[in-house]
C-alpha atoms as a PDB file:
ATOM      1  CA  UNK A   1    -150.397  86.737-101.852  1.00  0.00           C
ATOM      2  CA  UNK A   2    -151.220  84.615 -98.816  1.00  0.00           C
ATOM      3  CA  UNK A   3    -147.523  84.063 -98.172  1.00  0.00           C
ATOM      4  CA  UNK A   4    -147.114  87.647 -96.905  1.00  0.00           C
ATOM      5  CA  UNK A   5    -149.096  86.875 -93.759  1.00  0.00           C
ATOM      6  CA  UNK A   6    -147.777  83.373 -93.016  1.00  0.00           C
ATOM      7  CA  UNK A   7    -146.728  82.767 -89.406  1.00  0.00           C
ATOM      8  CA  UNK A   8    -145.207  79.896 -87.458  1.00  0.00           C
ATOM      9  CA  UNK A   9    -147.908  77.357 -86.647  1.00  0.00           C
ATOM     10  CA  UNK A  10    -150.031  78.031 -89.730  1.00  0.00           C
ATOM     11  CA  UNK A  11    -151.155  75.171 -91.913  1.00  0.00           C
ATOM     12  CA  UNK A  12    -150.547  75.950 -95.569  1.00  0.00           C
ATOM     13  CA  UNK A  13    -151.153  74.430 -98.968  1.00  0.00           C
ATOM     14  CA  UNK A  14    -147.833  74.256-100.802  1.00  0.00           C
ATOM     15  CA  UNK A  15    -147.615  74.056-104.567  1.00  0.00           C
ATOM     16  CA  UNK A  16    -144.023  73.576-105.647  1.00  0.00           C
ATOM     17  CA  UNK A  17    -143.166  73.409-109.355  1.00  0.00           C
ATOM     18  CA  UNK A  18    -141.854  69.843-109.121  1.00  0.00           C
ATOM     19  CA  UNK A  19    -144.577  68.002-107.187  1.00  0.00           C
ATOM     20  CA  UNK A  20    -148.323  68.000-106.502  1.00  0.00           C
ATOM     21  CA  UNK A  21    -149.767  70.359-103.878  1.00  0.00           C
ATOM     22  CA  UNK A  22    -149.587  69.209-100.265  1.00  0.00           C
ATOM     23  CA  UNK A  23    -150.518  70.357 -96.753  1.00  0.00           C
ATOM     24  CA  UNK A  24    -147.760  71.434 -94.382  1.00  0.00           C
ATOM     25  CA  UNK A  25    -147.310  73.221 -91.070  1.00  0.00           C
ATOM     26  CA  UNK A  26    -144.932  76.177 -90.868  1.00  0.00           C
ATOM     27  CA  UNK A  27    -142.170  75.736 -88.258  1.00  0.00           C
ATOM     28  CA  UNK A  28    -139.853  78.636 -89.210  1.00  0.00           C
ATOM     29  CA  UNK A  29    -140.105  81.849 -91.265  1.00  0.00           C
ATOM     30  CA  UNK A  30    -137.129  83.774 -92.597  1.00  0.00           C
ATOM     31  CA  UNK A  31    -137.535  87.347 -93.812  1.00  0.00           C
ATOM     32  CA  UNK A  32    -135.668  88.848 -96.688  1.00  0.00           C
ATOM     33  CA  UNK A  33    -133.008  91.539 -96.660  1.00  0.00           C
ATOM     34  CA  UNK A  34    -135.365  94.157 -98.081  1.00  0.00           C
ATOM     35  CA  UNK A  35    -138.508  93.478 -96.036  1.00  0.00           C
ATOM     36  CA  UNK A  36    -139.800  91.598 -93.036  1.00  0.00           C
ATOM     37  CA  UNK A  37    -142.109  89.491 -95.189  1.00  0.00           C
ATOM     38  CA  UNK A  38    -141.157  85.806 -95.370  1.00  0.00           C
ATOM     39  CA  UNK A  39    -138.925  84.768 -98.235  1.00  0.00           C
ATOM     40  CA  UNK A  40    -138.136  81.213 -97.133  1.00  0.00           C
ATOM     41  CA  UNK A  41    -140.079  78.895 -94.844  1.00  0.00           C
ATOM     42  CA  UNK A  42    -139.384  75.600 -93.153  1.00  0.00           C
ATOM     43  CA  UNK A  43    -142.425  73.370 -93.108  1.00  0.00           C
ATOM     44  CA  UNK A  44    -143.356  69.885 -91.987  1.00  0.00           C
ATOM     45  CA  UNK A  45    -145.160  68.053 -94.780  1.00  0.00           C
ATOM     46  CA  UNK A  46    -148.276  66.368 -93.410  1.00  0.00           C
ATOM     47  CA  UNK A  47    -148.041  63.157 -95.473  1.00  0.00           C
ATOM     48  CA  UNK A  48    -144.659  61.903 -94.295  1.00  0.00           C
ATOM     49  CA  UNK A  49    -143.502  64.463 -91.669  1.00  0.00           C
ATOM     50  CA  UNK A  50    -140.559  65.530 -93.842  1.00  0.00           C
ATOM     51  CA  UNK A  51    -139.016  68.892 -92.928  1.00  0.00           C
ATOM     52  CA  UNK A  52    -138.607  70.995 -96.069  1.00  0.00           C
ATOM     53  CA  UNK A  53    -137.320  74.461 -96.874  1.00  0.00           C
ATOM     54  CA  UNK A  54    -139.556  76.157 -99.421  1.00  0.00           C
ATOM     55  CA  UNK A  55    -139.915  79.505-101.135  1.00  0.00           C
ATOM     56  CA  UNK A  56    -142.673  81.632 -99.634  1.00  0.00           C
ATOM     57  CA  UNK A  57    -144.324  82.231-102.997  1.00  0.00           C
ATOM     58  CA  UNK A  58    -145.078  78.500-103.276  1.00  0.00           C
ATOM     59  CA  UNK A  59    -147.858  79.008-100.701  1.00  0.00           C
ATOM     60  CA  UNK A  60    -151.200  78.594-102.460  1.00  0.00           C
ATOM     61  CA  UNK A  61    -153.418  79.027 -99.413  1.00  0.00           C
ATOM     62  CA  UNK A  62    -153.004  79.807 -95.715  1.00  0.00           C
ATOM     63  CA  UNK A  63    -155.107  78.217 -92.983  1.00  0.00           C
ATOM     64  CA  UNK A  64    -154.381  80.220 -89.800  1.00  0.00           C
ATOM     65  CA  UNK A  65    -153.731  78.394 -86.546  1.00  0.00           C
ATOM     66  CA  UNK A  66    -156.225  78.861 -83.741  1.00  0.00           C
END
């Protein structure tokens, strides 16, 4: 449940159901109506710098920013 502690600036490993896992940097977090935990994230995919909106539970691993 790494996605519960994701913050803007973190580098994450994203595993979506439709493509292989990839590294991305979080640029925006949106909380849900029932809690402040992220439900959707905007990330920049490292490979091609595409900006994507993903579900927070697609986060496989979180690498905190320093």
